[in-house]
C-alpha atoms as a PDB file:
ATOM      1  CA  MET A   1     -28.042   0.889  -7.982  1.00  0.00           C
ATOM      2  CA  SER A   2     -25.730   0.676  -5.322  1.00  0.00           C
ATOM      3  CA  MET A   3     -21.235   0.260  -5.094  1.00  0.00           C
ATOM      4  CA  HIS A   4     -21.571  -3.432  -3.628  1.00  0.00           C
ATOM      5  CA  ASP A   5     -23.793  -5.187  -6.724  1.00  0.00           C
ATOM      6  CA  ASP A   6     -20.669  -4.189  -8.799  1.00  0.00           C
ATOM      7  CA  ILE A   7     -19.132  -6.724  -6.254  1.00  0.00           C
ATOM      8  CA  LEU A   8     -18.918 -10.348  -7.808  1.00  0.00           C
ATOM      9  CA  LYS A   9     -17.695 -11.048  -4.128  1.00  0.00           C
ATOM     10  CA  VAL A  10     -15.738 -10.474  -0.868  1.00  0.00           C
ATOM     11  CA  LEU A  11     -11.847 -11.519  -0.658  1.00  0.00           C
ATOM     12  CA  VAL A  12     -11.847  -9.833   2.613  1.00  0.00           C
ATOM     13  CA  SER A  13     -14.314  -8.858   4.966  1.00  0.00           C
ATOM     14  CA  GLU A  14     -14.078  -5.120   6.935  1.00  0.00           C
ATOM     15  CA  GLU A  15     -13.509  -7.142  10.263  1.00  0.00           C
ATOM     16  CA  GLU A  16     -10.496  -9.769   8.957  1.00  0.00           C
ATOM     17  CA  LEU A  17      -8.992  -5.916   8.265  1.00  0.00           C
ATOM     18  CA  LYS A  18     -10.128  -4.645  11.504  1.00  0.00           C
ATOM     19  CA  ALA A  19      -8.021  -7.829  12.755  1.00  0.00           C
ATOM     20  CA  LYS A  20      -5.349  -7.603  10.810  1.00  0.00           C
ATOM     21  CA  VAL A  21      -4.442  -4.007  11.198  1.00  0.00           C
ATOM     22  CA  ALA A  22      -5.021  -4.534  14.613  1.00  0.00           C
ATOM     23  CA  GLU A  23      -2.316  -7.316  14.556  1.00  0.00           C
ATOM     24  CA  LEU A  24      -0.484  -5.421  12.692  1.00  0.00           C
ATOM     25  CA  GLY A  25       0.276  -2.064  14.354  1.00  0.00           C
ATOM     26  CA  ALA A  26       0.955  -4.567  17.051  1.00  0.00           C
ATOM     27  CA  GLN A  27       3.653  -6.248  15.991  1.00  0.00           C
ATOM     28  CA  ILE A  28       5.027  -2.501  14.177  1.00  0.00           C
ATOM     29  CA  SER A  29       5.125  -1.324  17.291  1.00  0.00           C
ATOM     30  CA  LYS A  30       6.951  -4.138  19.385  1.00  0.00           C
ATOM     31  CA  ASP A  31       9.473  -3.843  16.416  1.00  0.00           C
ATOM     32  CA  TYR A  32      10.156  -0.710  16.035  1.00  0.00           C
ATOM     33  CA  GLU A  33      10.371   0.625  20.213  1.00  0.00           C
ATOM     34  CA  GLY A  34      12.805   3.613  20.635  1.00  0.00           C
ATOM     35  CA  ARG A  35      13.447   3.573  17.222  1.00  0.00           C
ATOM     36  CA  ASN A  36      12.639   7.011  15.199  1.00  0.00           C
ATOM     37  CA  LEU A  37       9.807   5.344  13.631  1.00  0.00           C
ATOM     38  CA  VAL A  38       8.077   7.258   9.599  1.00  0.00           C
ATOM     39  CA  LEU A  39       5.024   5.925   7.586  1.00  0.00           C
ATOM     40  CA  VAL A  40       5.566   6.764   5.202  1.00  0.00           C
ATOM     41  CA  SER A  41       1.656   6.121   2.160  1.00  0.00           C
ATOM     42  CA  ILE A  42       1.884   6.068  -1.198  1.00  0.00           C
ATOM     43  CA  LEU A  43      -1.123   7.778  -2.104  1.00  0.00           C
ATOM     44  CA  LYS A  44      -3.588   7.111  -3.148  1.00  0.00           C
ATOM     45  CA  GLY A  45      -4.630   3.934  -2.944  1.00  0.00           C
ATOM     46  CA  SER A  46      -2.720   3.593   0.932  1.00  0.00           C
ATOM     47  CA  VAL A  47      -4.838   6.148   2.385  1.00  0.00           C
ATOM     48  CA  VAL A  48      -7.295   3.969   4.255  1.00  0.00           C
ATOM     49  CA  PHE A  49      -4.851   1.849   4.975  1.00  0.00           C
ATOM     50  CA  MET A  50      -2.878   4.572   6.776  1.00  0.00           C
ATOM     51  CA  ALA A  51      -5.406   6.103   8.557  1.00  0.00           C
ATOM     52  CA  ASP A  52      -5.463   2.780  10.430  1.00  0.00           C
ATOM     53  CA  LEU A  53      -2.531   1.850  10.516  1.00  0.00           C
ATOM     54  CA  MET A  54      -0.923   4.951  12.439  1.00  0.00           C
ATOM     55  CA  ARG A  55      -4.159   4.701  14.826  1.00  0.00           C
ATOM     56  CA  ALA A  56      -2.886   0.572  15.543  1.00  0.00           C
ATOM     57  CA  VAL A  57       0.450   2.105  15.887  1.00  0.00           C
ATOM     58  CA  SER A  58       0.748   2.579  20.289  1.00  0.00           C
ATOM     59  CA  ILE A  59       4.159   4.056  19.858  1.00  0.00           C
ATOM     60  CA  PRO A  60       5.382   7.391  18.804  1.00  0.00           C
ATOM     61  CA  CYS A  61       5.676   8.009  14.850  1.00  0.00           C
ATOM     62  CA  SER A  62       4.745  10.768  12.458  1.00  0.00           C
ATOM     63  CA  ILE A  63       3.233  10.379   8.893  1.00  0.00           C
ATOM     64  CA  ASP A  64       4.903  11.602   5.441  1.00  0.00           C
ATOM     65  CA  PHE A  65       2.536  10.925   1.846  1.00  0.00           C
ATOM     66  CA  MET A  66       3.989  10.676  -1.373  1.00  0.00           C
ATOM     67  CA  VAL A  67       2.593  10.332  -4.320  1.00  0.00           C
ATOM     68  CA  VAL A  68       4.997   8.726  -7.585  1.00  0.00           C
ATOM     69  CA  SER A  69       4.052   7.079 -10.739  1.00  0.00           C
ATOM     70  CA  SER A  70       5.967   4.608 -13.083  1.00  0.00           C
ATOM     71  CA  TYR A  71       5.692   6.030 -16.730  1.00  0.00           C
ATOM     72  CA  GLY A  72       6.453   4.067 -19.719  1.00  0.00           C
ATOM     73  CA  GLY A  73       5.603   4.383 -23.573  1.00  0.00           C
ATOM     74  CA  GLY A  74       1.998   3.169 -23.113  1.00  0.00           C
ATOM     75  CA  ASN A  75      -0.619   3.531 -19.825  1.00  0.00           C
ATOM     76  CA  THR A  76      -0.639   0.121 -19.283  1.00  0.00           C
ATOM     77  CA  THR A  77       3.377  -1.273 -19.595  1.00  0.00           C
ATOM     78  CA  SER A  78       6.011   0.274 -16.655  1.00  0.00           C
ATOM     79  CA  THR A  79       9.574   0.281 -17.535  1.00  0.00           C
ATOM     80  CA  GLY A  80      10.179   0.434 -13.849  1.00  0.00           C
ATOM     81  CA  LEU A  81      10.904   4.679 -13.480  1.00  0.00           C
ATOM     82  CA  VAL A  82       9.725   6.527 -11.165  1.00  0.00           C
ATOM     83  CA  LYS A  83       8.370   9.618 -11.566  1.00  0.00           C
ATOM     84  CA  ILE A  84       7.417  11.576  -8.113  1.00  0.00           C
ATOM     85  CA  ILE A  85       4.529  13.430  -8.209  1.00  0.00           C
ATOM     86  CA  LYS A  86       4.262  15.082  -4.765  1.00  0.00           C
ATOM     87  CA  ASP A  87       8.004  14.353  -2.617  1.00  0.00           C
ATOM     88  CA  LEU A  88       8.130  13.631   1.591  1.00  0.00           C
ATOM     89  CA  ASP A  89       7.919  16.741   3.627  1.00  0.00           C
ATOM     90  CA  GLY A  90      10.408  15.680   5.919  1.00  0.00           C
ATOM     91  CA  ASP A  91      13.919  14.734   6.197  1.00  0.00           C
ATOM     92  CA  LEU A  92      14.544  10.826   6.369  1.00  0.00           C
ATOM     93  CA  SER A  93      17.986  11.101   8.028  1.00  0.00           C
ATOM     94  CA  GLY A  94      18.160   8.878  10.581  1.00  0.00           C
ATOM     95  CA  ARG A  95      14.866   7.676  10.398  1.00  0.00           C
ATOM     96  CA  ASP A  96      13.381   4.439  10.144  1.00  0.00           C
ATOM     97  CA  VAL A  97      10.950   4.420   6.951  1.00  0.00           C
ATOM     98  CA  LEU A  98       7.832   2.426   6.882  1.00  0.00           C
ATOM     99  CA  ILE A  99       6.110   2.553   3.553  1.00  0.00           C
ATOM    100  CA  VAL A 100       2.429   1.776   4.267  1.00  0.00           C
ATOM    101  CA  GLU A 101       0.732   0.424   0.658  1.00  0.00           C
ATOM    102  CA  ASP A 102      -2.425  -0.766  -0.450  1.00  0.00           C
ATOM    103  CA  ILE A 103      -1.099  -3.296  -2.154  1.00  0.00           C
ATOM    104  CA  LEU A 104       2.006  -4.701  -3.620  1.00  0.00           C
ATOM    105  CA  ASP A 105       1.810  -6.300  -7.002  1.00  0.00           C
ATOM    106  CA  THR A 106       4.366  -6.360 -10.192  1.00  0.00           C
ATOM    107  CA  GLY A 107       6.582  -4.083  -7.639  1.00  0.00           C
ATOM    108  CA  ILE A 108       8.318  -2.131 -10.047  1.00  0.00           C
ATOM    109  CA  THR A 109       7.293   0.952  -8.274  1.00  0.00           C
ATOM    110  CA  LEU A 110       8.997  -0.104  -5.076  1.00  0.00           C
ATOM    111  CA  SER A 111      12.176  -1.774  -6.425  1.00  0.00           C
ATOM    112  CA  ASN A 112      12.677   1.489  -7.466  1.00  0.00           C
ATOM    113  CA  LEU A 113      11.979   3.912  -5.240  1.00  0.00           C
ATOM    114  CA  VAL A 114      13.294   1.947  -2.063  1.00  0.00           C
ATOM    115  CA  PRO A 115      16.857   2.654  -3.280  1.00  0.00           C
ATOM    116  CA  MET A 116      15.569   5.759  -4.285  1.00  0.00           C
ATOM    117  CA  LEU A 117      14.486   6.411  -0.035  1.00  0.00           C
ATOM    118  CA  LYS A 118      17.811   4.900   0.368  1.00  0.00           C
ATOM    119  CA  MET A 119      19.616   7.308  -0.584  1.00  0.00           C
ATOM    120  CA  ARG A 120      18.244   9.589   1.531  1.00  0.00           C
ATOM    121  CA  ASN A 121      20.272   8.265   4.879  1.00  0.00           C
ATOM    122  CA  PRO A 122      17.245   6.698   6.612  1.00  0.00           C
ATOM    123  CA  ASN A 123      18.913   4.236   9.519  1.00  0.00           C
ATOM    124  CA  SER A 124      16.184   1.450   7.295  1.00  0.00           C
ATOM    125  CA  VAL A 125      13.374   1.428   4.905  1.00  0.00           C
ATOM    126  CA  LYS A 126      10.567  -1.318   5.457  1.00  0.00           C
ATOM    127  CA  ILE A 127       7.320  -1.957   3.156  1.00  0.00           C
ATOM    128  CA  CYS A 128       3.889  -2.509   4.766  1.00  0.00           C
ATOM    129  CA  THR A 129       0.941  -3.608   2.295  1.00  0.00           C
ATOM    130  CA  ILE A 130      -2.311  -4.311   3.055  1.00  0.00           C
ATOM    131  CA  LEU A 131      -2.595  -7.010  -0.135  1.00  0.00           C
ATOM    132  CA  ASP A 132      -0.306  -8.452  -1.717  1.00  0.00           C
ATOM    133  CA  LYS A 133      -0.274 -10.744  -5.793  1.00  0.00           C
ATOM    134  CA  PRO A 134       2.960 -12.550  -5.667  1.00  0.00           C
ATOM    135  CA  SER A 135       1.594 -13.891  -8.779  1.00  0.00           C
ATOM    136  CA  ARG A 136       2.042 -10.873 -10.951  1.00  0.00           C
ATOM    137  CA  ARG A 137       5.550  -9.911  -8.906  1.00  0.00           C
ATOM    138  CA  LYS A 138       7.903  -8.540 -11.794  1.00  0.00           C
ATOM    139  CA  ALA A 139      10.585  -7.385  -9.800  1.00  0.00           C
ATOM    140  CA  ASP A 140      12.729  -8.838  -6.647  1.00  0.00           C
ATOM    141  CA  ILE A 141      10.764  -7.875  -3.300  1.00  0.00           C
ATOM    142  CA  ALA A 142       8.821  -8.772  -0.923  1.00  0.00           C
ATOM    143  CA  PRO A 143       6.512  -7.116   1.856  1.00  0.00           C
ATOM    144  CA  ASP A 144       8.671  -7.278   5.588  1.00  0.00           C
ATOM    145  CA  TYR A 145       4.572  -6.426   6.966  1.00  0.00           C
ATOM    146  CA  GLU A 146       1.342  -8.087   5.121  1.00  0.00           C
ATOM    147  CA  GLY A 147      -1.646  -8.570   5.276  1.00  0.00           C
ATOM    148  CA  PHE A 148      -3.948 -11.013   2.938  1.00  0.00           C
ATOM    149  CA  ALA A 149      -2.044 -12.672   0.197  1.00  0.00           C
ATOM    150  CA  VAL A 150      -4.371 -12.375  -2.685  1.00  0.00           C
ATOM    151  CA  PRO A 151      -5.310 -13.806  -5.651  1.00  0.00           C
ATOM    152  CA  ASP A 152      -4.429 -11.786  -9.268  1.00  0.00           C
ATOM    153  CA  GLU A 153      -7.768 -11.002  -9.363  1.00  0.00           C
ATOM    154  CA  PHE A 154      -9.376  -7.458 -10.022  1.00  0.00           C
ATOM    155  CA  VAL A 155      -9.494  -5.864  -6.581  1.00  0.00           C
ATOM    156  CA  VAL A 156     -11.011  -3.179  -5.205  1.00  0.00           C
ATOM    157  CA  GLY A 157     -12.488  -1.390  -1.893  1.00  0.00           C
ATOM    158  CA  TYR A 158     -10.573  -0.329   1.062  1.00  0.00           C
ATOM    159  CA  GLY A 159      -8.533   2.543  -0.508  1.00  0.00           C
ATOM    160  CA  LEU A 160      -8.098   0.379  -4.248  1.00  0.00           C
ATOM    161  CA  ASP A 161      -9.762   1.567  -7.077  1.00  0.00           C
ATOM    162  CA  TYR A 162     -10.811   1.812 -10.242  1.00  0.00           C
ATOM    163  CA  ASP A 163     -11.224   4.620 -12.316  1.00  0.00           C
ATOM    164  CA  GLU A 164     -11.078   6.074  -9.387  1.00  0.00           C
ATOM    165  CA  LYS A 165     -14.431   4.832  -7.953  1.00  0.00           C
ATOM    166  CA  TYR A 166     -15.045   2.189  -4.885  1.00  0.00           C
ATOM    167  CA  ARG A 167     -12.064   3.400  -2.829  1.00  0.00           C
ATOM    168  CA  ASN A 168     -14.305   3.775   0.133  1.00  0.00           C
ATOM    169  CA  LEU A 169     -15.972  -0.080   0.120  1.00  0.00           C
ATOM    170  CA  PRO A 170     -15.258  -0.855   3.565  1.00  0.00           C
ATOM    171  CA  TYR A 171     -13.761  -4.601   3.033  1.00  0.00           C
ATOM    172  CA  ILE A 172     -12.232  -5.788   0.047  1.00  0.00           C
ATOM    173  CA  GLY A 173     -14.200  -7.315  -2.965  1.00  0.00           C
ATOM    174  CA  VAL A 174     -13.467  -8.558  -6.578  1.00  0.00           C
ATOM    175  CA  LEU A 175     -14.415  -6.523  -9.052  1.00  0.00           C
ATOM    176  CA  LYS A 176     -17.485  -7.866 -11.334  1.00  0.00           C
ATOM    177  CA  PRO A 177     -16.022  -8.507 -15.041  1.00  0.00           C
ATOM    178  CA  SER A 178     -18.740  -6.805 -17.069  1.00  0.00           C
ATOM    179  CA  VAL A 179     -17.786  -3.554 -15.224  1.00  0.00           C
ATOM    180  CA  TYR A 180     -14.653  -2.637 -16.526  1.00  0.00           C
ATOM    181  CA  GLU A 181     -14.590  -5.158 -20.004  1.00  0.00           C
ATOM    182  CA  LYS A 182     -17.301  -2.082 -21.435  1.00  0.00           C
END
């Protein structure tokens, strides 16, 4: 049985992803021309998008990685507190930071992370997400660059997982409820 069998439907095809990443890369290259761009990937979900996006950006830029978790009383609800598990390696002073995300969902984590990053004296902090799920937003935050708005369904693939699986699917698919309702 292949992991493709667990997918109810393909939401965004591999070809659509490639075209959108090329478009985002071109726009970012234009917008950040002559600036000191650092792409910051929030692991693990954005690693696939980050790898593609950085190759679609045609201007000099550096990359860095963070691991953050939002935590609360239970593992299903977020209090909005952000805990940095792995911090950036580089200094952000005078840099233009572009946070690269796989999905902007409730926005709680990013709405807390952005002010934390702004305290490190960057020139700017903006957000680029391949998927946006505005129907689930709980924080007043919007992406500066976005790939696709998606409905409130359980999406996997292209870096997004369920129980650490499906990240390696080359497309974005909706997971069959039977998989996660066991």
